[in-house]
Structure formats: C-alpha cells, structure tokens
Amino acid sequence: MIILVIHMNGKNLCLCSLTIKILKLMNTLLLNATS
C-alpha cells in the first residue's frame, strides 16, 4: 500500500514538473512574440 502511494506521488511530481516546463515554454514564446 505504501509503495503504491509513493508511486502515485512520483507520477504527480512528474506531471507537475512537466506542466511547469510547458508554462515556462509558453511564457518565453509570448515574450518573444511581444518583443
């Protein structure tokens, strides 16, 4: 049970980091477009 919880947390962390990367990428694209 504990292993399953850790596994789920790991997946969530991966998803969070991926979302942050996408947001940063969109941010830089918007900055480049406006400048």
PDB file of N, CA and C in Angstrom:
ATOM      1  N   MET A   1       0.840  -1.206   0.000  1.00  0.00           N
ATOM      2  CA  MET A   1       0.000   0.000   0.000  1.00  0.00           C
ATOM      3  C   MET A   1       0.874   1.255   0.000  1.00  0.00           C
ATOM      4  N   ILE A   2       1.874   1.298   0.875  1.00  0.00           N
ATOM      5  CA  ILE A   2       2.768   2.459   0.965  1.00  0.00           C
ATOM      6  C   ILE A   2       3.518   2.653  -0.355  1.00  0.00           C
ATOM      7  N   ILE A   3       3.965   1.537  -0.955  1.00  0.00           N
ATOM      8  CA  ILE A   3       4.688   1.608  -2.226  1.00  0.00           C
ATOM      9  C   ILE A   3       3.797   2.236  -3.298  1.00  0.00           C
ATOM     10  N   LEU A   4       2.528   1.861  -3.310  1.00  0.00           N
ATOM     11  CA  LEU A   4       1.569   2.396  -4.282  1.00  0.00           C
ATOM     12  C   LEU A   4       1.423   3.907  -4.114  1.00  0.00           C
ATOM     13  N   VAL A   5       1.341   4.362  -2.860  1.00  0.00           N
ATOM     14  CA  VAL A   5       1.206   5.794  -2.577  1.00  0.00           C
ATOM     15  C   VAL A   5       2.431   6.549  -3.084  1.00  0.00           C
ATOM     16  N   ILE A   6       3.626   6.008  -2.805  1.00  0.00           N
ATOM     17  CA  ILE A   6       4.868   6.632  -3.265  1.00  0.00           C
ATOM     18  C   ILE A   6       4.886   6.692  -4.790  1.00  0.00           C
ATOM     19  N   HIS A   7       4.441   5.612  -5.432  1.00  0.00           N
ATOM     20  CA  HIS A   7       4.409   5.553  -6.891  1.00  0.00           C
ATOM     21  C   HIS A   7       3.481   6.634  -7.447  1.00  0.00           C
ATOM     22  N   MET A   8       2.319   6.794  -6.827  1.00  0.00           N
ATOM     23  CA  MET A   8       1.369   7.818  -7.265  1.00  0.00           C
ATOM     24  C   MET A   8       1.957   9.209  -7.083  1.00  0.00           C
ATOM     25  N   ASN A   9       2.638   9.449  -5.962  1.00  0.00           N
ATOM     26  CA  ASN A   9       3.270  10.740  -5.709  1.00  0.00           C
ATOM     27  C   ASN A   9       4.341  11.023  -6.749  1.00  0.00           C
ATOM     28  N   GLY A  10       5.090  10.002  -7.129  1.00  0.00           N
ATOM     29  CA  GLY A  10       6.117  10.159  -8.155  1.00  0.00           C
ATOM     30  C   GLY A  10       5.504  10.570  -9.483  1.00  0.00           C
ATOM     31  N   LYS A  11       4.382   9.946  -9.837  1.00  0.00           N
ATOM     32  CA  LYS A  11       3.685  10.299 -11.081  1.00  0.00           C
ATOM     33  C   LYS A  11       3.213  11.744 -11.030  1.00  0.00           C
ATOM     34  N   ASN A  12       2.663  12.144  -9.890  1.00  0.00           N
ATOM     35  CA  ASN A  12       2.173  13.512  -9.739  1.00  0.00           C
ATOM     36  C   ASN A  12       3.316  14.513  -9.853  1.00  0.00           C
ATOM     37  N   LEU A  13       4.479  14.185  -9.273  1.00  0.00           N
ATOM     38  CA  LEU A  13       5.637  15.064  -9.354  1.00  0.00           C
ATOM     39  C   LEU A  13       6.076  15.225 -10.799  1.00  0.00           C
ATOM     40  N   CYS A  14       6.094  14.117 -11.548  1.00  0.00           N
ATOM     41  CA  CYS A  14       6.468  14.163 -12.960  1.00  0.00           C
ATOM     42  C   CYS A  14       5.501  15.055 -13.722  1.00  0.00           C
ATOM     43  N   LEU A  15       4.223  14.901 -13.448  1.00  0.00           N
ATOM     44  CA  LEU A  15       3.193  15.691 -14.119  1.00  0.00           C
ATOM     45  C   LEU A  15       3.352  17.171 -13.782  1.00  0.00           C
ATOM     46  N   CYS A  16       3.633  17.466 -12.518  1.00  0.00           N
ATOM     47  CA  CYS A  16       3.807  18.854 -12.090  1.00  0.00           C
ATOM     48  C   CYS A  16       5.004  19.489 -12.781  1.00  0.00           C
ATOM     49  N   SER A  17       6.132  18.796 -12.814  1.00  0.00           N
ATOM     50  CA  SER A  17       7.332  19.341 -13.449  1.00  0.00           C
ATOM     51  C   SER A  17       7.105  19.544 -14.939  1.00  0.00           C
ATOM     52  N   LEU A  18       6.372  18.617 -15.564  1.00  0.00           N
ATOM     53  CA  LEU A  18       6.063  18.735 -16.987  1.00  0.00           C
ATOM     54  C   LEU A  18       5.190  19.961 -17.235  1.00  0.00           C
ATOM     55  N   THR A  19       4.197  20.173 -16.386  1.00  0.00           N
ATOM     56  CA  THR A  19       3.311  21.333 -16.519  1.00  0.00           C
ATOM     57  C   THR A  19       4.098  22.624 -16.368  1.00  0.00           C
ATOM     58  N   ILE A  20       5.008  22.669 -15.387  1.00  0.00           N
ATOM     59  CA  ILE A  20       5.839  23.850 -15.159  1.00  0.00           C
ATOM     60  C   ILE A  20       6.711  24.127 -16.379  1.00  0.00           C
ATOM     61  N   LYS A  21       7.293  23.075 -16.968  1.00  0.00           N
ATOM     62  CA  LYS A  21       8.119  23.231 -18.163  1.00  0.00           C
ATOM     63  C   LYS A  21       7.307  23.825 -19.305  1.00  0.00           C
ATOM     64  N   ILE A  22       6.092  23.321 -19.505  1.00  0.00           N
ATOM     65  CA  ILE A  22       5.213  23.819 -20.575  1.00  0.00           C
ATOM     66  C   ILE A  22       4.851  25.281 -20.328  1.00  0.00           C
ATOM     67  N   LEU A  23       4.536  25.629 -19.086  1.00  0.00           N
ATOM     68  CA  LEU A  23       4.190  27.013 -18.752  1.00  0.00           C
ATOM     69  C   LEU A  23       5.366  27.942 -19.017  1.00  0.00           C
ATOM     70  N   LYS A  24       6.574  27.523 -18.638  1.00  0.00           N
ATOM     71  CA  LYS A  24       7.771  28.327 -18.883  1.00  0.00           C
ATOM     72  C   LYS A  24       7.996  28.504 -20.376  1.00  0.00           C
ATOM     73  N   LEU A  25       7.812  27.433 -21.137  1.00  0.00           N
ATOM     74  CA  LEU A  25       7.983  27.480 -22.586  1.00  0.00           C
ATOM     75  C   LEU A  25       6.988  28.456 -23.205  1.00  0.00           C
ATOM     76  N   MET A  26       5.730  28.388 -22.799  1.00  0.00           N
ATOM     77  CA  MET A  26       4.701  29.302 -23.300  1.00  0.00           C
ATOM     78  C   MET A  26       5.041  30.736 -22.925  1.00  0.00           C
ATOM     79  N   ASN A  27       5.552  30.944 -21.726  1.00  0.00           N
ATOM     80  CA  ASN A  27       5.945  32.265 -21.256  1.00  0.00           C
ATOM     81  C   ASN A  27       7.017  32.859 -22.161  1.00  0.00           C
ATOM     82  N   THR A  28       8.052  32.085 -22.465  1.00  0.00           N
ATOM     83  CA  THR A  28       9.142  32.569 -23.315  1.00  0.00           C
ATOM     84  C   THR A  28       8.638  32.844 -24.723  1.00  0.00           C
ATOM     85  N   LEU A  29       7.748  31.999 -25.228  1.00  0.00           N
ATOM     86  CA  LEU A  29       7.188  32.209 -26.565  1.00  0.00           C
ATOM     87  C   LEU A  29       6.389  33.505 -26.612  1.00  0.00           C
ATOM     88  N   LEU A  30       5.609  33.766 -25.574  1.00  0.00           N
ATOM     89  CA  LEU A  30       4.822  35.002 -25.512  1.00  0.00           C
ATOM     90  C   LEU A  30       5.737  36.217 -25.439  1.00  0.00           C
ATOM     91  N   LEU A  31       6.798  36.132 -24.648  1.00  0.00           N
ATOM     92  CA  LEU A  31       7.753  37.236 -24.533  1.00  0.00           C
ATOM     93  C   LEU A  31       8.419  37.513 -25.876  1.00  0.00           C
ATOM     94  N   ASN A  32       8.787  36.452 -26.586  1.00  0.00           N
ATOM     95  CA  ASN A  32       9.416  36.606 -27.897  1.00  0.00           C
ATOM     96  C   ASN A  32       8.443  37.213 -28.898  1.00  0.00           C
ATOM     97  N   ALA A  33       7.187  36.840 -28.806  1.00  0.00           N
ATOM     98  CA  ALA A  33       6.171  37.338 -29.740  1.00  0.00           C
ATOM     99  C   ALA A  33       5.906  38.829 -29.516  1.00  0.00           C
ATOM    100  N   THR A  34       5.893  39.251 -28.259  1.00  0.00           N
ATOM    101  CA  THR A  34       5.572  40.648 -27.952  1.00  0.00           C
ATOM    102  C   THR A  34       6.749  41.574 -28.236  1.00  0.00           C
ATOM    103  N   SER A  35       7.970  41.108 -28.043  1.00  0.00           N
ATOM    104  CA  SER A  35       9.145  41.965 -28.225  1.00  0.00           C
ATOM    105  C   SER A  35       9.538  42.111 -29.689  1.00  0.00           C
TER     106      SER A  35
END
